[in-house]
Amino acid sequence: LMYTFKITPEWNHIFKENKKMDVLLTSKESYLDLFI
């Protein structure tokens, strides 16, 4: 029950946020490198 209703949704949310942040940081670093 914990894994189905609590852990899985929370981890999915964390993984999505991590992916968004990675993409955002990567794009920012890429743009900053290109600017320099």
All heavy atoms as atom14 arrays in JSON, in Angstrom:
{
  "sequence": "LMYTFKITPEWNHIFKENKKMDVLLTSKESYLDLFI",
  "atom14_mask": [
    [1, 1, 1, 1, 1, 1, 1, 1, 0, 0, 0, 0, 0, 0],
    [1, 1, 1, 1, 1, 1, 1, 1, 0, 0, 0, 0, 0, 0],
    [1, 1, 1, 1, 1, 1, 1, 1, 1, 1, 1, 1, 0, 0],
    [1, 1, 1, 1, 1, 1, 1, 0, 0, 0, 0, 0, 0, 0],
    [1, 1, 1, 1, 1, 1, 1, 1, 1, 1, 1, 0, 0, 0],
    [1, 1, 1, 1, 1, 1, 1, 1, 1, 0, 0, 0, 0, 0],
    [1, 1, 1, 1, 1, 1, 1, 1, 0, 0, 0, 0, 0, 0],
    [1, 1, 1, 1, 1, 1, 1, 0, 0, 0, 0, 0, 0, 0],
    [1, 1, 1, 1, 1, 1, 1, 0, 0, 0, 0, 0, 0, 0],
    [1, 1, 1, 1, 1, 1, 1, 1, 1, 0, 0, 0, 0, 0],
    [1, 1, 1, 1, 1, 1, 1, 1, 1, 1, 1, 1, 1, 1],
    [1, 1, 1, 1, 1, 1, 1, 1, 0, 0, 0, 0, 0, 0],
    [1, 1, 1, 1, 1, 1, 1, 1, 1, 1, 0, 0, 0, 0],
    [1, 1, 1, 1, 1, 1, 1, 1, 0, 0, 0, 0, 0, 0],
    [1, 1, 1, 1, 1, 1, 1, 1, 1, 1, 1, 0, 0, 0],
    [1, 1, 1, 1, 1, 1, 1, 1, 1, 0, 0, 0, 0, 0],
    [1, 1, 1, 1, 1, 1, 1, 1, 1, 0, 0, 0, 0, 0],
    [1, 1, 1, 1, 1, 1, 1, 1, 0, 0, 0, 0, 0, 0],
    [1, 1, 1, 1, 1, 1, 1, 1, 1, 0, 0, 0, 0, 0],
    [1, 1, 1, 1, 1, 1, 1, 1, 1, 0, 0, 0, 0, 0],
    [1, 1, 1, 1, 1, 1, 1, 1, 0, 0, 0, 0, 0, 0],
    [1, 1, 1, 1, 1, 1, 1, 1, 0, 0, 0, 0, 0, 0],
    [1, 1, 1, 1, 1, 1, 1, 0, 0, 0, 0, 0, 0, 0],
    [1, 1, 1, 1, 1, 1, 1, 1, 0, 0, 0, 0, 0, 0],
    [1, 1, 1, 1, 1, 1, 1, 1, 0, 0, 0, 0, 0, 0],
    [1, 1, 1, 1, 1, 1, 1, 0, 0, 0, 0, 0, 0, 0],
    [1, 1, 1, 1, 1, 1, 0, 0, 0, 0, 0, 0, 0, 0],
    [1, 1, 1, 1, 1, 1, 1, 1, 1, 0, 0, 0, 0, 0],
    [1, 1, 1, 1, 1, 1, 1, 1, 1, 0, 0, 0, 0, 0],
    [1, 1, 1, 1, 1, 1, 0, 0, 0, 0, 0, 0, 0, 0],
    [1, 1, 1, 1, 1, 1, 1, 1, 1, 1, 1, 1, 0, 0],
    [1, 1, 1, 1, 1, 1, 1, 1, 0, 0, 0, 0, 0, 0],
    [1, 1, 1, 1, 1, 1, 1, 1, 0, 0, 0, 0, 0, 0],
    [1, 1, 1, 1, 1, 1, 1, 1, 0, 0, 0, 0, 0, 0],
    [1, 1, 1, 1, 1, 1, 1, 1, 1, 1, 1, 0, 0, 0],
    [1, 1, 1, 1, 1, 1, 1, 1, 0, 0, 0, 0, 0, 0]
  ],
  "atom14_positions": [
    [[0.83, -1.22, 0.0], [0.0, 0.0, 0.0], [0.86, 1.26, 0.0], [0.56, 2.23, -0.7], [-0.94, -0.02, 1.22], [-2.02, -1.1, 1.21], [-2.8, -1.08, 2.52], [-2.97, -0.9, 0.03], [0.0, 0.0, 0.0], [0.0, 0.0, 0.0], [0.0, 0.0, 0.0], [0.0, 0.0, 0.0], [0.0, 0.0, 0.0], [0.0, 0.0, 0.0]],
    [[1.91, 1.23, 0.8], [2.81, 2.4, 0.85], [3.45, 2.64, -0.51], [3.53, 3.78, -0.99], [3.91, 2.18, 1.9], [3.45, 2.34, 3.33], [4.79, 1.95, 4.46], [6.05, 3.07, 3.91], [0.0, 0.0, 0.0], [0.0, 0.0, 0.0], [0.0, 0.0, 0.0], [0.0, 0.0, 0.0], [0.0, 0.0, 0.0], [0.0, 0.0, 0.0]],
    [[3.9, 1.59, -1.14], [4.6, 1.74, -2.41], [3.63, 2.21, -3.5], [3.98, 3.04, -4.35], [5.22, 0.4, -2.81], [6.09, 0.49, -4.04], [7.41, 0.97, -3.94], [5.61, 0.15, -5.29], [8.22, 1.07, -5.06], [6.4, 0.25, -6.42], [7.7, 0.72, -6.3], [8.49, 0.82, -7.42], [0.0, 0.0, 0.0], [0.0, 0.0, 0.0]],
    [[2.37, 1.7, -3.45], [1.41, 2.01, -4.51], [0.87, 3.43, -4.39], [0.8, 4.17, -5.37], [0.24, 1.01, -4.48], [0.77, -0.31, -4.62], [-0.74, 1.29, -5.61], [0.0, 0.0, 0.0], [0.0, 0.0, 0.0], [0.0, 0.0, 0.0], [0.0, 0.0, 0.0], [0.0, 0.0, 0.0], [0.0, 0.0, 0.0], [0.0, 0.0, 0.0]],
    [[0.46, 3.82, -3.17], [-0.27, 5.08, -3.02], [0.57, 6.25, -2.51], [0.18, 7.39, -2.63], [-1.47, 4.87, -2.07], [-2.47, 3.9, -2.6], [-2.54, 2.61, -2.1], [-3.33, 4.27, -3.62], [-3.47, 1.71, -2.6], [-4.27, 3.37, -4.11], [-4.34, 2.08, -3.61], [0.0, 0.0, 0.0], [0.0, 0.0, 0.0], [0.0, 0.0, 0.0]],
    [[1.7, 5.95, -1.93], [2.52, 7.03, -1.35], [3.85, 7.19, -2.08], [4.18, 8.27, -2.57], [2.75, 6.73, 0.15], [3.72, 7.7, 0.83], [3.16, 9.1, 0.92], [4.15, 10.01, 1.66], [3.7, 11.42, 1.64], [0.0, 0.0, 0.0], [0.0, 0.0, 0.0], [0.0, 0.0, 0.0], [0.0, 0.0, 0.0], [0.0, 0.0, 0.0]],
    [[4.62, 6.13, -2.12], [6.0, 6.23, -2.6], [6.06, 6.44, -4.11], [6.76, 7.33, -4.61], [6.8, 4.99, -2.19], [6.77, 4.83, -0.66], [8.24, 5.11, -2.69], [7.27, 6.04, 0.09], [0.0, 0.0, 0.0], [0.0, 0.0, 0.0], [0.0, 0.0, 0.0], [0.0, 0.0, 0.0], [0.0, 0.0, 0.0], [0.0, 0.0, 0.0]],
    [[5.31, 5.62, -4.88], [5.4, 5.7, -6.33], [5.03, 7.09, -6.87], [5.78, 7.67, -7.66], [4.52, 4.62, -6.99], [4.97, 3.33, -6.55], [4.6, 4.71, -8.51], [0.0, 0.0, 0.0], [0.0, 0.0, 0.0], [0.0, 0.0, 0.0], [0.0, 0.0, 0.0], [0.0, 0.0, 0.0], [0.0, 0.0, 0.0], [0.0, 0.0, 0.0]],
    [[3.87, 7.68, -6.46], [3.55, 9.04, -6.96], [4.59, 10.08, -6.55], [4.95, 10.95, -7.34], [2.19, 9.33, -6.31], [1.61, 8.0, -5.99], [2.78, 7.14, -5.64], [0.0, 0.0, 0.0], [0.0, 0.0, 0.0], [0.0, 0.0, 0.0], [0.0, 0.0, 0.0], [0.0, 0.0, 0.0], [0.0, 0.0, 0.0], [0.0, 0.0, 0.0]],
    [[5.06, 9.94, -5.29], [6.04, 10.92, -4.82], [7.36, 10.82, -5.59], [7.94, 11.82, -6.0], [6.28, 10.73, -3.32], [7.21, 11.78, -2.73], [7.36, 11.62, -1.23], [6.48, 11.0, -0.59], [8.36, 12.13, -0.7], [0.0, 0.0, 0.0], [0.0, 0.0, 0.0], [0.0, 0.0, 0.0], [0.0, 0.0, 0.0], [0.0, 0.0, 0.0]],
    [[7.82, 9.6, -5.82], [9.07, 9.43, -6.55], [8.93, 9.83, -8.01], [9.84, 10.4, -8.59], [9.53, 7.97, -6.45], [10.13, 7.67, -5.11], [10.25, 8.5, -4.06], [10.69, 6.4, -4.71], [10.84, 7.86, -3.0], [11.15, 6.56, -3.37], [10.86, 5.17, -5.32], [11.74, 5.54, -2.66], [11.46, 4.15, -4.62], [11.89, 4.34, -3.3]],
    [[7.75, 9.54, -8.6], [7.53, 9.99, -9.98], [7.6, 11.51, -10.08], [8.17, 12.06, -11.04], [6.17, 9.49, -10.48], [6.17, 7.99, -10.76], [7.24, 7.4, -10.98], [5.0, 7.38, -10.74], [0.0, 0.0, 0.0], [0.0, 0.0, 0.0], [0.0, 0.0, 0.0], [0.0, 0.0, 0.0], [0.0, 0.0, 0.0], [0.0, 0.0, 0.0]],
    [[7.0, 12.15, -9.07], [7.05, 13.62, -9.05], [8.49, 14.12, -8.9], [8.92, 15.05, -9.6], [6.18, 14.14, -7.9], [6.24, 15.63, -7.73], [5.65, 16.5, -8.62], [6.85, 16.4, -6.78], [5.87, 17.75, -8.23], [6.59, 17.7, -7.1], [0.0, 0.0, 0.0], [0.0, 0.0, 0.0], [0.0, 0.0, 0.0], [0.0, 0.0, 0.0]],
    [[9.24, 13.46, -8.0], [10.65, 13.86, -7.78], [11.47, 13.65, -9.05], [12.25, 14.51, -9.46], [11.25, 13.06, -6.61], [10.6, 13.51, -5.29], [12.76, 13.26, -6.54], [10.99, 12.67, -4.1], [0.0, 0.0, 0.0], [0.0, 0.0, 0.0], [0.0, 0.0, 0.0], [0.0, 0.0, 0.0], [0.0, 0.0, 0.0], [0.0, 0.0, 0.0]],
    [[11.25, 12.5, -9.71], [12.02, 12.22, -10.92], [11.69, 13.22, -12.03], [12.58, 13.66, -12.77], [11.76, 10.79, -11.4], [12.29, 9.73, -10.48], [11.66, 8.51, -10.34], [13.45, 9.98, -9.74], [12.16, 7.55, -9.48], [13.96, 9.01, -8.88], [13.31, 7.79, -8.75], [0.0, 0.0, 0.0], [0.0, 0.0, 0.0], [0.0, 0.0, 0.0]],
    [[10.41, 13.59, -12.14], [10.02, 14.58, -13.15], [10.65, 15.93, -12.87], [11.14, 16.61, -13.78], [8.5, 14.7, -13.19], [7.8, 13.51, -13.83], [6.3, 13.7, -13.83], [5.58, 12.5, -14.44], [4.11, 12.64, -14.41], [0.0, 0.0, 0.0], [0.0, 0.0, 0.0], [0.0, 0.0, 0.0], [0.0, 0.0, 0.0], [0.0, 0.0, 0.0]],
    [[10.61, 16.32, -11.58], [11.22, 17.6, -11.21], [12.72, 17.58, -11.47], [13.3, 18.56, -11.94], [10.95, 17.9, -9.73], [9.51, 18.25, -9.42], [9.09, 19.53, -10.12], [9.88, 20.5, -10.14], [7.97, 19.56, -10.66], [0.0, 0.0, 0.0], [0.0, 0.0, 0.0], [0.0, 0.0, 0.0], [0.0, 0.0, 0.0], [0.0, 0.0, 0.0]],
    [[13.35, 16.46, -11.12], [14.8, 16.33, -11.38], [15.1, 16.44, -12.88], [16.07, 17.1, -13.28], [15.31, 14.98, -10.87], [15.57, 15.02, -9.37], [15.75, 16.08, -8.81], [15.57, 13.86, -8.75], [0.0, 0.0, 0.0], [0.0, 0.0, 0.0], [0.0, 0.0, 0.0], [0.0, 0.0, 0.0], [0.0, 0.0, 0.0], [0.0, 0.0, 0.0]],
    [[14.25, 15.8, -13.69], [14.47, 15.85, -15.14], [14.31, 17.26, -15.66], [15.1, 17.74, -16.49], [13.49, 14.9, -15.83], [13.78, 14.72, -17.31], [12.88, 13.65, -17.91], [13.23, 13.45, -19.38], [12.38, 12.41, -20.0], [0.0, 0.0, 0.0], [0.0, 0.0, 0.0], [0.0, 0.0, 0.0], [0.0, 0.0, 0.0], [0.0, 0.0, 0.0]],
    [[13.27, 17.96, -15.16], [13.06, 19.35, -15.58], [14.25, 20.22, -15.19], [14.72, 21.04, -15.98], [11.79, 19.91, -14.94], [10.51, 19.35, -15.53], [9.3, 19.97, -14.84], [7.99, 19.42, -15.39], [6.82, 19.99, -14.68], [0.0, 0.0, 0.0], [0.0, 0.0, 0.0], [0.0, 0.0, 0.0], [0.0, 0.0, 0.0], [0.0, 0.0, 0.0]],
    [[14.7, 20.04, -13.95], [15.83, 20.84, -13.47], [17.1, 20.54, -14.26], [17.87, 21.44, -14.59], [16.06, 20.58, -11.98], [14.97, 21.14, -11.08], [14.83, 22.93, -11.17], [16.38, 23.43, -10.45], [0.0, 0.0, 0.0], [0.0, 0.0, 0.0], [0.0, 0.0, 0.0], [0.0, 0.0, 0.0], [0.0, 0.0, 0.0], [0.0, 0.0, 0.0]],
    [[17.32, 19.25, -14.56], [18.5, 18.89, -15.35], [18.47, 19.54, -16.73], [19.47, 20.08, -17.2], [18.6, 17.37, -15.49], [19.0, 16.69, -14.18], [19.53, 17.4, -13.31], [18.76, 15.48, -14.04], [0.0, 0.0, 0.0], [0.0, 0.0, 0.0], [0.0, 0.0, 0.0], [0.0, 0.0, 0.0], [0.0, 0.0, 0.0], [0.0, 0.0, 0.0]],
    [[17.27, 19.47, -17.37], [17.14, 20.08, -18.7], [17.35, 21.58, -18.62], [18.04, 22.18, -19.44], [15.75, 19.75, -19.3], [15.52, 20.56, -20.57], [15.64, 18.26, -19.58], [0.0, 0.0, 0.0], [0.0, 0.0, 0.0], [0.0, 0.0, 0.0], [0.0, 0.0, 0.0], [0.0, 0.0, 0.0], [0.0, 0.0, 0.0], [0.0, 0.0, 0.0]],
    [[16.75, 22.2, -17.57], [16.86, 23.65, -17.41], [18.3, 24.06, -17.16], [18.82, 25.0, -17.78], [15.96, 24.11, -16.26], [15.87, 25.63, -16.03], [15.3, 26.31, -17.26], [15.01, 25.93, -14.81], [0.0, 0.0, 0.0], [0.0, 0.0, 0.0], [0.0, 0.0, 0.0], [0.0, 0.0, 0.0], [0.0, 0.0, 0.0], [0.0, 0.0, 0.0]],
    [[18.96, 23.33, -16.25], [20.35, 23.67, -15.94], [21.26, 23.44, -17.15], [22.15, 24.23, -17.43], [20.84, 22.83, -14.75], [20.27, 23.22, -13.37], [20.7, 22.2, -12.33], [20.72, 24.61, -12.97], [0.0, 0.0, 0.0], [0.0, 0.0, 0.0], [0.0, 0.0, 0.0], [0.0, 0.0, 0.0], [0.0, 0.0, 0.0], [0.0, 0.0, 0.0]],
    [[20.99, 22.33, -17.85], [21.8, 22.05, -19.03], [21.63, 23.13, -20.08], [22.6, 23.6, -20.69], [21.41, 20.68, -19.62], [21.59, 19.69, -18.61], [22.27, 20.34, -20.83], [0.0, 0.0, 0.0], [0.0, 0.0, 0.0], [0.0, 0.0, 0.0], [0.0, 0.0, 0.0], [0.0, 0.0, 0.0], [0.0, 0.0, 0.0], [0.0, 0.0, 0.0]],
    [[20.36, 23.55, -20.31], [20.12, 24.58, -21.32], [20.72, 25.9, -20.89], [21.3, 26.63, -21.7], [18.62, 24.74, -21.57], [17.95, 25.16, -20.37], [0.0, 0.0, 0.0], [0.0, 0.0, 0.0], [0.0, 0.0, 0.0], [0.0, 0.0, 0.0], [0.0, 0.0, 0.0], [0.0, 0.0, 0.0], [0.0, 0.0, 0.0], [0.0, 0.0, 0.0]],
    [[20.61, 26.24, -19.59], [21.19, 27.49, -19.11], [22.71, 27.48, -19.26], [23.31, 28.45, -19.72], [20.82, 27.7, -17.63], [19.42, 28.22, -17.41], [19.16, 28.49, -15.94], [17.78, 29.08, -15.7], [17.51, 29.33, -14.28], [0.0, 0.0, 0.0], [0.0, 0.0, 0.0], [0.0, 0.0, 0.0], [0.0, 0.0, 0.0], [0.0, 0.0, 0.0]],
    [[23.32, 26.37, -18.87], [24.77, 26.27, -18.99], [25.2, 26.32, -20.46], [26.2, 26.95, -20.81], [25.26, 24.96, -18.35], [25.15, 24.97, -16.83], [25.52, 23.63, -16.22], [25.81, 22.71, -17.01], [25.5, 23.51, -14.99], [0.0, 0.0, 0.0], [0.0, 0.0, 0.0], [0.0, 0.0, 0.0], [0.0, 0.0, 0.0], [0.0, 0.0, 0.0]],
    [[24.39, 25.68, -21.33], [24.73, 25.69, -22.75], [24.63, 27.1, -23.31], [25.51, 27.56, -24.05], [23.8, 24.76, -23.52], [23.93, 23.43, -23.06], [0.0, 0.0, 0.0], [0.0, 0.0, 0.0], [0.0, 0.0, 0.0], [0.0, 0.0, 0.0], [0.0, 0.0, 0.0], [0.0, 0.0, 0.0], [0.0, 0.0, 0.0], [0.0, 0.0, 0.0]],
    [[23.53, 27.8, -22.95], [23.37, 29.17, -23.44], [24.46, 30.07, -22.89], [24.97, 30.95, -23.61], [21.99, 29.71, -23.03], [20.85, 29.11, -23.81], [19.66, 28.75, -23.18], [20.96, 28.9, -25.19], [18.61, 28.19, -23.89], [19.91, 28.33, -25.9], [18.74, 27.99, -25.25], [17.71, 27.44, -25.95], [0.0, 0.0, 0.0], [0.0, 0.0, 0.0]],
    [[24.82, 29.86, -21.61], [25.87, 30.69, -21.01], [27.21, 30.42, -21.69], [27.96, 31.36, -22.0], [25.97, 30.39, -19.51], [26.95, 31.26, -18.71], [26.58, 32.73, -18.82], [26.97, 30.83, -17.25], [0.0, 0.0, 0.0], [0.0, 0.0, 0.0], [0.0, 0.0, 0.0], [0.0, 0.0, 0.0], [0.0, 0.0, 0.0], [0.0, 0.0, 0.0]],
    [[27.5, 29.15, -21.96], [28.74, 28.81, -22.66], [28.77, 29.42, -24.06], [29.79, 29.95, -24.51], [28.91, 27.29, -22.75], [29.22, 26.67, -21.4], [29.66, 27.42, -20.51], [29.01, 25.46, -21.23], [0.0, 0.0, 0.0], [0.0, 0.0, 0.0], [0.0, 0.0, 0.0], [0.0, 0.0, 0.0], [0.0, 0.0, 0.0], [0.0, 0.0, 0.0]],
    [[27.62, 29.33, -24.76], [27.54, 29.91, -26.1], [27.72, 31.43, -26.07], [28.39, 32.01, -26.93], [26.19, 29.57, -26.75], [26.01, 28.11, -27.19], [24.58, 27.87, -27.64], [26.98, 27.77, -28.32], [0.0, 0.0, 0.0], [0.0, 0.0, 0.0], [0.0, 0.0, 0.0], [0.0, 0.0, 0.0], [0.0, 0.0, 0.0], [0.0, 0.0, 0.0]],
    [[27.12, 32.06, -25.05], [27.26, 33.51, -24.9], [28.72, 33.9, -24.71], [29.22, 34.83, -25.35], [26.41, 33.99, -23.72], [26.71, 35.4, -23.29], [26.29, 36.48, -24.03], [27.46, 35.64, -22.15], [26.59, 37.78, -23.65], [27.77, 36.93, -21.75], [27.32, 38.0, -22.51], [0.0, 0.0, 0.0], [0.0, 0.0, 0.0], [0.0, 0.0, 0.0]],
    [[29.41, 33.18, -23.83], [30.82, 33.5, -23.55], [31.68, 33.23, -24.78], [32.54, 34.03, -25.14], [31.31, 32.68, -22.34], [30.6, 33.14, -21.06], [32.82, 32.81, -22.18], [30.89, 32.31, -19.84], [0.0, 0.0, 0.0], [0.0, 0.0, 0.0], [0.0, 0.0, 0.0], [0.0, 0.0, 0.0], [0.0, 0.0, 0.0], [0.0, 0.0, 0.0]]
  ]
}
